[in-house]
Amino acid sequence: MTRFQLQDRLIDFSVLAIDVVDGLISSKAGNHLGGQLVRSATSCPLNYGEAQSAESSKDFVHKMSVVLKELRETWVCLEIIRKAKLTPNSNQLTTISKENNELISIFVKSIETSKNKSQLKKS
């Protein structure tokens, strides 16, 4: 997967999160978690864009780690929404949770690969 394909995938993920939020039950909890979900999910492609302009390998790993942190935060938010039954659309929640997990796996591997490359350069 190219960096452009990954960026598009992150953007699509953010749009899906927005769609999930638009379908949440209107309540204090739904509004709170909806805001949190929008913030964490939409920050992923934005931070990934910053990673593409990293000033060093260390900076790249740091910025990619921020994306991973936001993906994990998004996952927890989705789990709370699911367990609290704040959306009537369980299929949509299943779809975004699956994509979230796949993106987490991609970023874990990418960060690991980048760290290994940095270690090899030092040797």
PDB file of N, CA and C in Angstrom:
ATOM      1  N   MET A   1       0.847  -1.173   0.000  1.00  0.00           N
ATOM      2  CA  MET A   1       0.000   0.000   0.000  1.00  0.00           C
ATOM      3  C   MET A   1       0.894   1.237   0.000  1.00  0.00           C
ATOM      4  N   THR A   2       0.593   2.160  -0.893  1.00  0.00           N
ATOM      5  CA  THR A   2       1.376   3.387  -0.953  1.00  0.00           C
ATOM      6  C   THR A   2       0.926   4.352   0.140  1.00  0.00           C
ATOM      7  N   ARG A   3       1.742   5.358   0.376  1.00  0.00           N
ATOM      8  CA  ARG A   3       1.369   6.336   1.397  1.00  0.00           C
ATOM      9  C   ARG A   3       0.113   7.099   1.000  1.00  0.00           C
ATOM     10  N   PHE A   4      -0.106   7.271  -0.314  1.00  0.00           N
ATOM     11  CA  PHE A   4      -1.306   7.964  -0.773  1.00  0.00           C
ATOM     12  C   PHE A   4      -2.545   7.099  -0.565  1.00  0.00           C
ATOM     13  N   GLN A   5      -2.408   5.806  -0.790  1.00  0.00           N
ATOM     14  CA  GLN A   5      -3.528   4.899  -0.553  1.00  0.00           C
ATOM     15  C   GLN A   5      -3.874   4.851   0.935  1.00  0.00           C
ATOM     16  N   LEU A   6      -2.841   4.852   1.781  1.00  0.00           N
ATOM     17  CA  LEU A   6      -3.080   4.841   3.226  1.00  0.00           C
ATOM     18  C   LEU A   6      -3.742   6.142   3.663  1.00  0.00           C
ATOM     19  N   GLN A   7      -3.297   7.253   3.111  1.00  0.00           N
ATOM     20  CA  GLN A   7      -3.921   8.525   3.467  1.00  0.00           C
ATOM     21  C   GLN A   7      -5.393   8.524   3.052  1.00  0.00           C
ATOM     22  N   ASP A   8      -5.694   8.034   1.858  1.00  0.00           N
ATOM     23  CA  ASP A   8      -7.094   7.952   1.412  1.00  0.00           C
ATOM     24  C   ASP A   8      -7.906   7.044   2.330  1.00  0.00           C
ATOM     25  N   ARG A   9      -7.299   5.963   2.760  1.00  0.00           N
ATOM     26  CA  ARG A   9      -7.989   5.030   3.662  1.00  0.00           C
ATOM     27  C   ARG A   9      -8.281   5.701   5.004  1.00  0.00           C
ATOM     28  N   LEU A  10      -7.342   6.491   5.493  1.00  0.00           N
ATOM     29  CA  LEU A  10      -7.559   7.219   6.748  1.00  0.00           C
ATOM     30  C   LEU A  10      -8.646   8.277   6.597  1.00  0.00           C
ATOM     31  N   ILE A  11      -8.677   8.929   5.447  1.00  0.00           N
ATOM     32  CA  ILE A  11      -9.727   9.923   5.193  1.00  0.00           C
ATOM     33  C   ILE A  11     -11.090   9.239   5.143  1.00  0.00           C
ATOM     34  N   ASP A  12     -11.171   8.112   4.440  1.00  0.00           N
ATOM     35  CA  ASP A  12     -12.428   7.361   4.381  1.00  0.00           C
ATOM     36  C   ASP A  12     -12.862   6.900   5.774  1.00  0.00           C
ATOM     37  N   PHE A  13     -11.901   6.499   6.586  1.00  0.00           N
ATOM     38  CA  PHE A  13     -12.172   6.093   7.965  1.00  0.00           C
ATOM     39  C   PHE A  13     -12.776   7.265   8.746  1.00  0.00           C
ATOM     40  N   SER A  14     -12.222   8.442   8.571  1.00  0.00           N
ATOM     41  CA  SER A  14     -12.733   9.637   9.253  1.00  0.00           C
ATOM     42  C   SER A  14     -14.159   9.961   8.816  1.00  0.00           C
ATOM     43  N   VAL A  15     -14.418   9.831   7.531  1.00  0.00           N
ATOM     44  CA  VAL A  15     -15.763  10.089   7.012  1.00  0.00           C
ATOM     45  C   VAL A  15     -16.748   9.071   7.589  1.00  0.00           C
ATOM     46  N   LEU A  16     -16.325   7.820   7.686  1.00  0.00           N
ATOM     47  CA  LEU A  16     -17.186   6.795   8.283  1.00  0.00           C
ATOM     48  C   LEU A  16     -17.472   7.129   9.750  1.00  0.00           C
ATOM     49  N   ALA A  17     -16.477   7.620  10.462  1.00  0.00           N
ATOM     50  CA  ALA A  17     -16.673   8.013  11.859  1.00  0.00           C
ATOM     51  C   ALA A  17     -17.691   9.150  11.958  1.00  0.00           C
ATOM     52  N   ILE A  18     -17.610  10.092  11.042  1.00  0.00           N
ATOM     53  CA  ILE A  18     -18.578  11.194  11.018  1.00  0.00           C
ATOM     54  C   ILE A  18     -19.984  10.651  10.788  1.00  0.00           C
ATOM     55  N   ASP A  19     -20.097   9.682   9.879  1.00  0.00           N
ATOM     56  CA  ASP A  19     -21.398   9.052   9.623  1.00  0.00           C
ATOM     57  C   ASP A  19     -21.936   8.347  10.869  1.00  0.00           C
ATOM     58  N   VAL A  20     -21.037   7.667  11.597  1.00  0.00           N
ATOM     59  CA  VAL A  20     -21.444   7.001  12.845  1.00  0.00           C
ATOM     60  C   VAL A  20     -21.972   8.038  13.830  1.00  0.00           C
ATOM     61  N   VAL A  21     -21.248   9.123  13.980  1.00  0.00           N
ATOM     62  CA  VAL A  21     -21.651  10.177  14.921  1.00  0.00           C
ATOM     63  C   VAL A  21     -23.008  10.760  14.534  1.00  0.00           C
ATOM     64  N   ASP A  22     -23.220  10.950  13.250  1.00  0.00           N
ATOM     65  CA  ASP A  22     -24.508  11.501  12.803  1.00  0.00           C
ATOM     66  C   ASP A  22     -25.679  10.572  13.138  1.00  0.00           C
ATOM     67  N   GLY A  23     -25.392   9.287  13.340  1.00  0.00           N
ATOM     68  CA  GLY A  23     -26.446   8.328  13.671  1.00  0.00           C
ATOM     69  C   GLY A  23     -26.569   7.997  15.142  1.00  0.00           C
ATOM     70  N   LEU A  24     -25.765   8.646  15.994  1.00  0.00           N
ATOM     71  CA  LEU A  24     -25.833   8.361  17.429  1.00  0.00           C
ATOM     72  C   LEU A  24     -27.127   8.875  18.039  1.00  0.00           C
ATOM     73  N   ILE A  25     -27.564   8.202  19.072  1.00  0.00           N
ATOM     74  CA  ILE A  25     -28.728   8.640  19.838  1.00  0.00           C
ATOM     75  C   ILE A  25     -28.412  10.001  20.448  1.00  0.00           C
ATOM     76  N   SER A  26     -29.358  10.915  20.346  1.00  0.00           N
ATOM     77  CA  SER A  26     -29.163  12.250  20.893  1.00  0.00           C
ATOM     78  C   SER A  26     -29.382  12.216  22.406  1.00  0.00           C
ATOM     79  N   SER A  27     -28.280  12.250  23.126  1.00  0.00           N
ATOM     80  CA  SER A  27     -28.294  12.261  24.590  1.00  0.00           C
ATOM     81  C   SER A  27     -26.993  12.900  25.043  1.00  0.00           C
ATOM     82  N   LYS A  28     -26.869  13.136  26.337  1.00  0.00           N
ATOM     83  CA  LYS A  28     -25.609  13.693  26.846  1.00  0.00           C
ATOM     84  C   LYS A  28     -24.436  12.788  26.480  1.00  0.00           C
ATOM     85  N   ALA A  29     -24.597  11.498  26.713  1.00  0.00           N
ATOM     86  CA  ALA A  29     -23.520  10.542  26.415  1.00  0.00           C
ATOM     87  C   ALA A  29     -23.258  10.469  24.914  1.00  0.00           C
ATOM     88  N   GLY A  30     -24.329  10.410  24.126  1.00  0.00           N
ATOM     89  CA  GLY A  30     -24.167  10.347  22.675  1.00  0.00           C
ATOM     90  C   GLY A  30     -23.455  11.574  22.133  1.00  0.00           C
ATOM     91  N   ASN A  31     -23.828  12.737  22.631  1.00  0.00           N
ATOM     92  CA  ASN A  31     -23.181  13.980  22.189  1.00  0.00           C
ATOM     93  C   ASN A  31     -21.720  14.036  22.618  1.00  0.00           C
ATOM     94  N   HIS A  32     -21.455  13.636  23.850  1.00  0.00           N
ATOM     95  CA  HIS A  32     -20.080  13.657  24.355  1.00  0.00           C
ATOM     96  C   HIS A  32     -19.192  12.694  23.563  1.00  0.00           C
ATOM     97  N   LEU A  33     -19.641  11.447  23.445  1.00  0.00           N
ATOM     98  CA  LEU A  33     -18.828  10.447  22.745  1.00  0.00           C
ATOM     99  C   LEU A  33     -18.752  10.744  21.252  1.00  0.00           C
ATOM    100  N   GLY A  34     -19.802  11.329  20.710  1.00  0.00           N
ATOM    101  CA  GLY A  34     -19.766  11.723  19.307  1.00  0.00           C
ATOM    102  C   GLY A  34     -18.684  12.760  19.044  1.00  0.00           C
ATOM    103  N   GLY A  35     -18.608  13.751  19.915  1.00  0.00           N
ATOM    104  CA  GLY A  35     -17.556  14.768  19.784  1.00  0.00           C
ATOM    105  C   GLY A  35     -16.174  14.167  19.916  1.00  0.00           C
ATOM    106  N   GLN A  36     -16.030  13.269  20.876  1.00  0.00           N
ATOM    107  CA  GLN A  36     -14.740  12.617  21.096  1.00  0.00           C
ATOM    108  C   GLN A  36     -14.346  11.767  19.889  1.00  0.00           C
ATOM    109  N   LEU A  37     -15.324  11.038  19.349  1.00  0.00           N
ATOM    110  CA  LEU A  37     -15.059  10.175  18.191  1.00  0.00           C
ATOM    111  C   LEU A  37     -14.650  11.001  16.974  1.00  0.00           C
ATOM    112  N   VAL A  38     -15.333  12.086  16.739  1.00  0.00           N
ATOM    113  CA  VAL A  38     -14.978  12.954  15.608  1.00  0.00           C
ATOM    114  C   VAL A  38     -13.553  13.480  15.772  1.00  0.00           C
ATOM    115  N   ARG A  39     -13.214  13.916  16.980  1.00  0.00           N
ATOM    116  CA  ARG A  39     -11.871  14.469  17.205  1.00  0.00           C
ATOM    117  C   ARG A  39     -10.783  13.425  16.986  1.00  0.00           C
ATOM    118  N   SER A  40     -10.935  12.252  17.589  1.00  0.00           N
ATOM    119  CA  SER A  40      -9.870  11.253  17.493  1.00  0.00           C
ATOM    120  C   SER A  40      -9.773  10.657  16.086  1.00  0.00           C
ATOM    121  N   ALA A  41     -10.905  10.358  15.472  1.00  0.00           N
ATOM    122  CA  ALA A  41     -10.871   9.729  14.143  1.00  0.00           C
ATOM    123  C   ALA A  41     -10.391  10.690  13.057  1.00  0.00           C
ATOM    124  N   THR A  42     -10.812  11.947  13.133  1.00  0.00           N
ATOM    125  CA  THR A  42     -10.396  12.888  12.089  1.00  0.00           C
ATOM    126  C   THR A  42      -8.963  13.371  12.281  1.00  0.00           C
ATOM    127  N   SER A  43      -8.414  13.200  13.459  1.00  0.00           N
ATOM    128  CA  SER A  43      -7.018  13.603  13.658  1.00  0.00           C
ATOM    129  C   SER A  43      -6.051  12.615  12.994  1.00  0.00           C
ATOM    130  N   CYS A  44      -6.515  11.404  12.714  1.00  0.00           N
ATOM    131  CA  CYS A  44      -5.623  10.385  12.139  1.00  0.00           C
ATOM    132  C   CYS A  44      -5.057  10.784  10.775  1.00  0.00           C
ATOM    133  N   PRO A  45      -5.885  11.138   9.788  1.00  0.00           N
ATOM    134  CA  PRO A  45      -5.292  11.531   8.509  1.00  0.00           C
ATOM    135  C   PRO A  45      -4.520  12.845   8.594  1.00  0.00           C
ATOM    136  N   LEU A  46      -4.931  13.716   9.491  1.00  0.00           N
ATOM    137  CA  LEU A  46      -4.209  14.986   9.647  1.00  0.00           C
ATOM    138  C   LEU A  46      -2.808  14.749  10.193  1.00  0.00           C
ATOM    139  N   ASN A  47      -2.698  13.916  11.214  1.00  0.00           N
ATOM    140  CA  ASN A  47      -1.383  13.607  11.777  1.00  0.00           C
ATOM    141  C   ASN A  47      -0.545  12.766  10.817  1.00  0.00           C
ATOM    142  N   TYR A  48      -1.198  11.897  10.053  1.00  0.00           N
ATOM    143  CA  TYR A  48      -0.467  11.118   9.054  1.00  0.00           C
ATOM    144  C   TYR A  48       0.136  12.050   8.004  1.00  0.00           C
ATOM    145  N   GLY A  49      -0.610  13.076   7.621  1.00  0.00           N
ATOM    146  CA  GLY A  49      -0.081  14.072   6.694  1.00  0.00           C
ATOM    147  C   GLY A  49       1.156  14.753   7.248  1.00  0.00           C
ATOM    148  N   GLU A  50       1.137  15.048   8.540  1.00  0.00           N
ATOM    149  CA  GLU A  50       2.318  15.634   9.180  1.00  0.00           C
ATOM    150  C   GLU A  50       3.494  14.667   9.163  1.00  0.00           C
ATOM    151  N   ALA A  51       3.223  13.393   9.353  1.00  0.00           N
ATOM    152  CA  ALA A  51       4.291  12.383   9.355  1.00  0.00           C
ATOM    153  C   ALA A  51       5.002  12.345   8.005  1.00  0.00           C
ATOM    154  N   GLN A  52       4.279  12.632   6.941  1.00  0.00           N
ATOM    155  CA  GLN A  52       4.889  12.612   5.612  1.00  0.00           C
ATOM    156  C   GLN A  52       5.901  13.742   5.428  1.00  0.00           C
ATOM    157  N   SER A  53       5.846  14.730   6.295  1.00  0.00           N
ATOM    158  CA  SER A  53       6.805  15.844   6.248  1.00  0.00           C
ATOM    159  C   SER A  53       7.761  15.806   7.433  1.00  0.00           C
ATOM    160  N   ALA A  54       7.954  14.639   8.004  1.00  0.00           N
ATOM    161  CA  ALA A  54       8.825  14.507   9.173  1.00  0.00           C
ATOM    162  C   ALA A  54      10.241  14.974   8.840  1.00  0.00           C
ATOM    163  N   GLU A  55      10.882  15.541   9.845  1.00  0.00           N
ATOM    164  CA  GLU A  55      12.221  16.095   9.659  1.00  0.00           C
ATOM    165  C   GLU A  55      13.326  15.070   9.858  1.00  0.00           C
ATOM    166  N   SER A  56      12.973  13.921  10.437  1.00  0.00           N
ATOM    167  CA  SER A  56      13.959  12.868  10.672  1.00  0.00           C
ATOM    168  C   SER A  56      13.219  11.551  10.863  1.00  0.00           C
ATOM    169  N   SER A  57      13.972  10.480  10.921  1.00  0.00           N
ATOM    170  CA  SER A  57      13.364   9.161  11.180  1.00  0.00           C
ATOM    171  C   SER A  57      12.691   9.144  12.544  1.00  0.00           C
ATOM    172  N   LYS A  58      13.348   9.760  13.518  1.00  0.00           N
ATOM    173  CA  LYS A  58      12.787   9.812  14.871  1.00  0.00           C
ATOM    174  C   LYS A  58      11.481  10.606  14.889  1.00  0.00           C
ATOM    175  N   ASP A  59      11.461  11.717  14.171  1.00  0.00           N
ATOM    176  CA  ASP A  59      10.254  12.538  14.076  1.00  0.00           C
ATOM    177  C   ASP A  59       9.138  11.763  13.367  1.00  0.00           C
ATOM    178  N   PHE A  60       9.481  11.008  12.321  1.00  0.00           N
ATOM    179  CA  PHE A  60       8.506  10.191  11.596  1.00  0.00           C
ATOM    180  C   PHE A  60       7.873   9.167  12.535  1.00  0.00           C
ATOM    181  N   VAL A  61       8.696   8.464  13.282  1.00  0.00           N
ATOM    182  CA  VAL A  61       8.184   7.456  14.217  1.00  0.00           C
ATOM    183  C   VAL A  61       7.280   8.122  15.256  1.00  0.00           C
ATOM    184  N   HIS A  62       7.690   9.269  15.745  1.00  0.00           N
ATOM    185  CA  HIS A  62       6.877   9.985  16.735  1.00  0.00           C
ATOM    186  C   HIS A  62       5.503  10.340  16.156  1.00  0.00           C
ATOM    187  N   LYS A  63       5.488  10.908  14.958  1.00  0.00           N
ATOM    188  CA  LYS A  63       4.214  11.329  14.360  1.00  0.00           C
ATOM    189  C   LYS A  63       3.339  10.129  14.002  1.00  0.00           C
ATOM    190  N   MET A  64       3.950   9.043  13.571  1.00  0.00           N
ATOM    191  CA  MET A  64       3.189   7.822  13.289  1.00  0.00           C
ATOM    192  C   MET A  64       2.623   7.257  14.594  1.00  0.00           C
ATOM    193  N   SER A  65       3.375   7.405  15.683  1.00  0.00           N
ATOM    194  CA  SER A  65       2.899   6.947  16.992  1.00  0.00           C
ATOM    195  C   SER A  65       1.707   7.764  17.467  1.00  0.00           C
ATOM    196  N   VAL A  66       1.673   9.034  17.107  1.00  0.00           N
ATOM    197  CA  VAL A  66       0.513   9.877  17.438  1.00  0.00           C
ATOM    198  C   VAL A  66      -0.722   9.353  16.692  1.00  0.00           C
ATOM    199  N   VAL A  67      -0.556   8.985  15.428  1.00  0.00           N
ATOM    200  CA  VAL A  67      -1.677   8.420  14.670  1.00  0.00           C
ATOM    201  C   VAL A  67      -2.168   7.144  15.350  1.00  0.00           C
ATOM    202  N   LEU A  68      -1.230   6.289  15.745  1.00  0.00           N
ATOM    203  CA  LEU A  68      -1.588   5.037  16.418  1.00  0.00           C
ATOM    204  C   LEU A  68      -2.334   5.314  17.719  1.00  0.00           C
ATOM    205  N   LYS A  69      -1.875   6.285  18.472  1.00  0.00           N
ATOM    206  CA  LYS A  69      -2.544   6.663  19.727  1.00  0.00           C
ATOM    207  C   LYS A  69      -3.984   7.094  19.459  1.00  0.00           C
ATOM    208  N   GLU A  70      -4.188   7.887  18.430  1.00  0.00           N
ATOM    209  CA  GLU A  70      -5.528   8.358  18.089  1.00  0.00           C
ATOM    210  C   GLU A  70      -6.416   7.213  17.592  1.00  0.00           C
ATOM    211  N   LEU A  71      -5.826   6.284  16.855  1.00  0.00           N
ATOM    212  CA  LEU A  71      -6.595   5.110  16.414  1.00  0.00           C
ATOM    213  C   LEU A  71      -7.040   4.274  17.603  1.00  0.00           C
ATOM    214  N   ARG A  72      -6.156   4.103  18.576  1.00  0.00           N
ATOM    215  CA  ARG A  72      -6.518   3.335  19.771  1.00  0.00           C
ATOM    216  C   ARG A  72      -7.586   4.059  20.586  1.00  0.00           C
ATOM    217  N   GLU A  73      -7.479   5.369  20.670  1.00  0.00           N
ATOM    218  CA  GLU A  73      -8.494   6.157  21.372  1.00  0.00           C
ATOM    219  C   GLU A  73      -9.842   6.015  20.662  1.00  0.00           C
ATOM    220  N   THR A  74      -9.817   6.045  19.346  1.00  0.00           N
ATOM    221  CA  THR A  74     -11.036   5.866  18.562  1.00  0.00           C
ATOM    222  C   THR A  74     -11.656   4.501  18.836  1.00  0.00           C
ATOM    223  N   TRP A  75     -10.819   3.476  18.897  1.00  0.00           N
ATOM    224  CA  TRP A  75     -11.312   2.116  19.150  1.00  0.00           C
ATOM    225  C   TRP A  75     -12.034   2.045  20.495  1.00  0.00           C
ATOM    226  N   VAL A  76     -11.448   2.644  21.518  1.00  0.00           N
ATOM    227  CA  VAL A  76     -12.082   2.628  22.845  1.00  0.00           C
ATOM    228  C   VAL A  76     -13.411   3.375  22.803  1.00  0.00           C
ATOM    229  N   CYS A  77     -13.441   4.484  22.126  1.00  0.00           N
ATOM    230  CA  CYS A  77     -14.677   5.257  22.000  1.00  0.00           C
ATOM    231  C   CYS A  77     -15.753   4.427  21.295  1.00  0.00           C
ATOM    232  N   LEU A  78     -15.382   3.728  20.240  1.00  0.00           N
ATOM    233  CA  LEU A  78     -16.330   2.873  19.531  1.00  0.00           C
ATOM    234  C   LEU A  78     -16.848   1.753  20.422  1.00  0.00           C
ATOM    235  N   GLU A  79     -15.982   1.201  21.248  1.00  0.00           N
ATOM    236  CA  GLU A  79     -16.396   0.141  22.170  1.00  0.00           C
ATOM    237  C   GLU A  79     -17.388   0.656  23.209  1.00  0.00           C
ATOM    238  N   ILE A  80     -17.161   1.866  23.690  1.00  0.00           N
ATOM    239  CA  ILE A  80     -18.098   2.457  24.652  1.00  0.00           C
ATOM    240  C   ILE A  80     -19.449   2.673  23.974  1.00  0.00           C
ATOM    241  N   ILE A  81     -19.414   3.195  22.759  1.00  0.00           N
ATOM    242  CA  ILE A  81     -20.664   3.422  22.008  1.00  0.00           C
ATOM    243  C   ILE A  81     -21.393   2.099  21.804  1.00  0.00           C
ATOM    244  N   ARG A  82     -20.662   1.067  21.447  1.00  0.00           N
ATOM    245  CA  ARG A  82     -21.274  -0.246  21.220  1.00  0.00           C
ATOM    246  C   ARG A  82     -21.882  -0.798  22.499  1.00  0.00           C
ATOM    247  N   LYS A  83     -21.105  -0.792  23.582  1.00  0.00           N
ATOM    248  CA  LYS A  83     -21.582  -1.374  24.838  1.00  0.00           C
ATOM    249  C   LYS A  83     -22.723  -0.568  25.454  1.00  0.00           C
ATOM    250  N   ALA A  84     -22.723   0.739  25.244  1.00  0.00           N
ATOM    251  CA  ALA A  84     -23.792   1.585  25.775  1.00  0.00           C
ATOM    252  C   ALA A  84     -25.004   1.628  24.838  1.00  0.00           C
ATOM    253  N   LYS A  85     -24.885   0.964  23.707  1.00  0.00           N
ATOM    254  CA  LYS A  85     -25.971   0.903  22.717  1.00  0.00           C
ATOM    255  C   LYS A  85     -26.444   2.307  22.306  1.00  0.00           C
ATOM    256  N   LEU A  86     -25.472   3.133  21.949  1.00  0.00           N
ATOM    257  CA  LEU A  86     -25.781   4.513  21.584  1.00  0.00           C
ATOM    258  C   LEU A  86     -26.073   4.700  20.098  1.00  0.00           C
ATOM    259  N   THR A  87     -26.052   3.599  19.345  1.00  0.00           N
ATOM    260  CA  THR A  87     -26.400   3.683  17.933  1.00  0.00           C
ATOM    261  C   THR A  87     -27.300   2.513  17.550  1.00  0.00           C
ATOM    262  N   PRO A  88     -28.294   2.794  16.733  1.00  0.00           N
ATOM    263  CA  PRO A  88     -29.151   1.705  16.265  1.00  0.00           C
ATOM    264  C   PRO A  88     -28.512   0.929  15.104  1.00  0.00           C
ATOM    265  N   ASN A  89     -27.426   1.458  14.530  1.00  0.00           N
ATOM    266  CA  ASN A  89     -26.808   0.862  13.350  1.00  0.00           C
ATOM    267  C   ASN A  89     -25.595   0.013  13.740  1.00  0.00           C
ATOM    268  N   SER A  90     -25.845  -1.209  14.175  1.00  0.00           N
ATOM    269  CA  SER A  90     -24.746  -2.076  14.611  1.00  0.00           C
ATOM    270  C   SER A  90     -23.866  -2.512  13.445  1.00  0.00           C
ATOM    271  N   ASN A  91     -24.428  -2.599  12.223  1.00  0.00           N
ATOM    272  CA  ASN A  91     -23.615  -2.972  11.059  1.00  0.00           C
ATOM    273  C   ASN A  91     -22.550  -1.921  10.767  1.00  0.00           C
ATOM    274  N   GLN A  92     -22.933  -0.676  10.865  1.00  0.00           N
ATOM    275  CA  GLN A  92     -21.994   0.422  10.639  1.00  0.00           C
ATOM    276  C   GLN A  92     -20.891   0.410  11.696  1.00  0.00           C
ATOM    277  N   LEU A  93     -21.277   0.128  12.924  1.00  0.00           N
ATOM    278  CA  LEU A  93     -20.308   0.060  14.015  1.00  0.00           C
ATOM    279  C   LEU A  93     -19.337  -1.106  13.804  1.00  0.00           C
ATOM    280  N   THR A  94     -19.846  -2.227  13.334  1.00  0.00           N
ATOM    281  CA  THR A  94     -18.994  -3.383  13.034  1.00  0.00           C
ATOM    282  C   THR A  94     -17.996  -3.037  11.923  1.00  0.00           C
ATOM    283  N   THR A  95     -18.470  -2.363  10.891  1.00  0.00           N
ATOM    284  CA  THR A  95     -17.617  -1.981   9.760  1.00  0.00           C
ATOM    285  C   THR A  95     -16.491  -1.055  10.202  1.00  0.00           C
ATOM    286  N   ILE A  96     -16.823  -0.014  10.951  1.00  0.00           N
ATOM    287  CA  ILE A  96     -15.788   0.938  11.356  1.00  0.00           C
ATOM    288  C   ILE A  96     -14.828   0.306  12.364  1.00  0.00           C
ATOM    289  N   SER A  97     -15.325  -0.556  13.227  1.00  0.00           N
ATOM    290  CA  SER A  97     -14.446  -1.221  14.204  1.00  0.00           C
ATOM    291  C   SER A  97     -13.459  -2.133  13.502  1.00  0.00           C
ATOM    292  N   LYS A  98     -13.913  -2.837  12.472  1.00  0.00           N
ATOM    293  CA  LYS A  98     -13.022  -3.710  11.694  1.00  0.00           C
ATOM    294  C   LYS A  98     -11.935  -2.884  11.007  1.00  0.00           C
ATOM    295  N   GLU A  99     -12.338  -1.794  10.375  1.00  0.00           N
ATOM    296  CA  GLU A  99     -11.359  -0.921   9.714  1.00  0.00           C
ATOM    297  C   GLU A  99     -10.401  -0.318  10.728  1.00  0.00           C
ATOM    298  N   ASN A 100     -10.908   0.067  11.876  1.00  0.00           N
ATOM    299  CA  ASN A 100     -10.076   0.625  12.945  1.00  0.00           C
ATOM    300  C   ASN A 100      -8.996  -0.380  13.348  1.00  0.00           C
ATOM    301  N   ASN A 101      -9.388  -1.626  13.558  1.00  0.00           N
ATOM    302  CA  ASN A 101      -8.422  -2.658  13.948  1.00  0.00           C
ATOM    303  C   ASN A 101      -7.382  -2.901  12.862  1.00  0.00           C
ATOM    304  N   GLU A 102      -7.810  -2.896  11.605  1.00  0.00           N
ATOM    305  CA  GLU A 102      -6.860  -3.082  10.506  1.00  0.00           C
ATOM    306  C   GLU A 102      -5.869  -1.929  10.436  1.00  0.00           C
ATOM    307  N   LEU A 103      -6.356  -0.715  10.621  1.00  0.00           N
ATOM    308  CA  LEU A 103      -5.460   0.451  10.610  1.00  0.00           C
ATOM    309  C   LEU A 103      -4.475   0.404  11.778  1.00  0.00           C
ATOM    310  N   ILE A 104      -4.944  -0.001  12.939  1.00  0.00           N
ATOM    311  CA  ILE A 104      -4.036  -0.151  14.087  1.00  0.00           C
ATOM    312  C   ILE A 104      -2.927  -1.132  13.731  1.00  0.00           C
ATOM    313  N   SER A 105      -3.274  -2.249  13.139  1.00  0.00           N
ATOM    314  CA  SER A 105      -2.269  -3.250  12.759  1.00  0.00           C
ATOM    315  C   SER A 105      -1.261  -2.687  11.762  1.00  0.00           C
ATOM    316  N   ILE A 106      -1.745  -1.929  10.793  1.00  0.00           N
ATOM    317  CA  ILE A 106      -0.859  -1.311   9.796  1.00  0.00           C
ATOM    318  C   ILE A 106       0.126  -0.368  10.468  1.00  0.00           C
ATOM    319  N   PHE A 107      -0.361   0.450  11.378  1.00  0.00           N
ATOM    320  CA  PHE A 107       0.517   1.436  12.018  1.00  0.00           C
ATOM    321  C   PHE A 107       1.482   0.790  13.000  1.00  0.00           C
ATOM    322  N   VAL A 108       1.056  -0.241  13.700  1.00  0.00           N
ATOM    323  CA  VAL A 108       1.975  -0.958  14.595  1.00  0.00           C
ATOM    324  C   VAL A 108       3.135  -1.503  13.777  1.00  0.00           C
ATOM    325  N   LYS A 109       2.829  -2.133  12.650  1.00  0.00           N
ATOM    326  CA  LYS A 109       3.855  -2.733  11.795  1.00  0.00           C
ATOM    327  C   LYS A 109       4.746  -1.662  11.172  1.00  0.00           C
ATOM    328  N   SER A 110       4.152  -0.583  10.725  1.00  0.00           N
ATOM    329  CA  SER A 110       4.925   0.491  10.103  1.00  0.00           C
ATOM    330  C   SER A 110       5.893   1.130  11.092  1.00  0.00           C
ATOM    331  N   ILE A 111       5.430   1.362  12.298  1.00  0.00           N
ATOM    332  CA  ILE A 111       6.303   1.944  13.333  1.00  0.00           C
ATOM    333  C   ILE A 111       7.426   0.979  13.665  1.00  0.00           C
ATOM    334  N   GLU A 112       7.091  -0.297  13.790  1.00  0.00           N
ATOM    335  CA  GLU A 112       8.099  -1.323  14.079  1.00  0.00           C
ATOM    336  C   GLU A 112       9.150  -1.366  12.966  1.00  0.00           C
ATOM    337  N   THR A 113       8.711  -1.346  11.720  1.00  0.00           N
ATOM    338  CA  THR A 113       9.625  -1.365  10.575  1.00  0.00           C
ATOM    339  C   THR A 113      10.525  -0.136  10.578  1.00  0.00           C
ATOM    340  N   SER A 114       9.950   1.029  10.825  1.00  0.00           N
ATOM    341  CA  SER A 114      10.739   2.272  10.859  1.00  0.00           C
ATOM    342  C   SER A 114      11.779   2.250  11.964  1.00  0.00           C
ATOM    343  N   LYS A 115      11.389   1.742  13.125  1.00  0.00           N
ATOM    344  CA  LYS A 115      12.344   1.652  14.237  1.00  0.00           C
ATOM    345  C   LYS A 115      13.480   0.689  13.896  1.00  0.00           C
ATOM    346  N   ASN A 116      13.147  -0.432  13.266  1.00  0.00           N
ATOM    347  CA  ASN A 116      14.177  -1.407  12.878  1.00  0.00           C
ATOM    348  C   ASN A 116      15.140  -0.820  11.852  1.00  0.00           C
ATOM    349  N   LYS A 117      14.625  -0.069  10.896  1.00  0.00           N
ATOM    350  CA  LYS A 117      15.476   0.581   9.894  1.00  0.00           C
ATOM    351  C   LYS A 117      16.419   1.581  10.549  1.00  0.00           C
ATOM    352  N   SER A 118      15.897   2.316  11.520  1.00  0.00           N
ATOM    353  CA  SER A 118      16.731   3.286  12.244  1.00  0.00           C
ATOM    354  C   SER A 118      17.835   2.591  13.019  1.00  0.00           C
ATOM    355  N   GLN A 119      17.520   1.453  13.618  1.00  0.00           N
ATOM    356  CA  GLN A 119      18.524   0.698  14.359  1.00  0.00           C
ATOM    357  C   GLN A 119      19.606   0.158  13.428  1.00  0.00           C
ATOM    358  N   LEU A 120      19.207  -0.290  12.245  1.00  0.00           N
ATOM    359  CA  LEU A 120      20.187  -0.804  11.277  1.00  0.00           C
ATOM    360  C   LEU A 120      21.132   0.306  10.812  1.00  0.00           C
ATOM    361  N   LYS A 121      20.615   1.513  10.638  1.00  0.00           N
ATOM    362  CA  LYS A 121      21.458   2.646  10.221  1.00  0.00           C
ATOM    363  C   LYS A 121      22.498   2.986  11.282  1.00  0.00           C
ATOM    364  N   LYS A 122      22.140   2.787  12.547  1.00  0.00           N
ATOM    365  CA  LYS A 122      23.053   3.097  13.651  1.00  0.00           C
ATOM    366  C   LYS A 122      24.155   2.068  13.771  1.00  0.00           C
ATOM    367  N   SER A 123      23.892   0.845  13.293  1.00  0.00           N
ATOM    368  CA  SER A 123      24.878  -0.231  13.422  1.00  0.00           C
ATOM    369  C   SER A 123      26.020  -0.099  12.468  1.00  0.00           C
TER     370      SER A 123
END
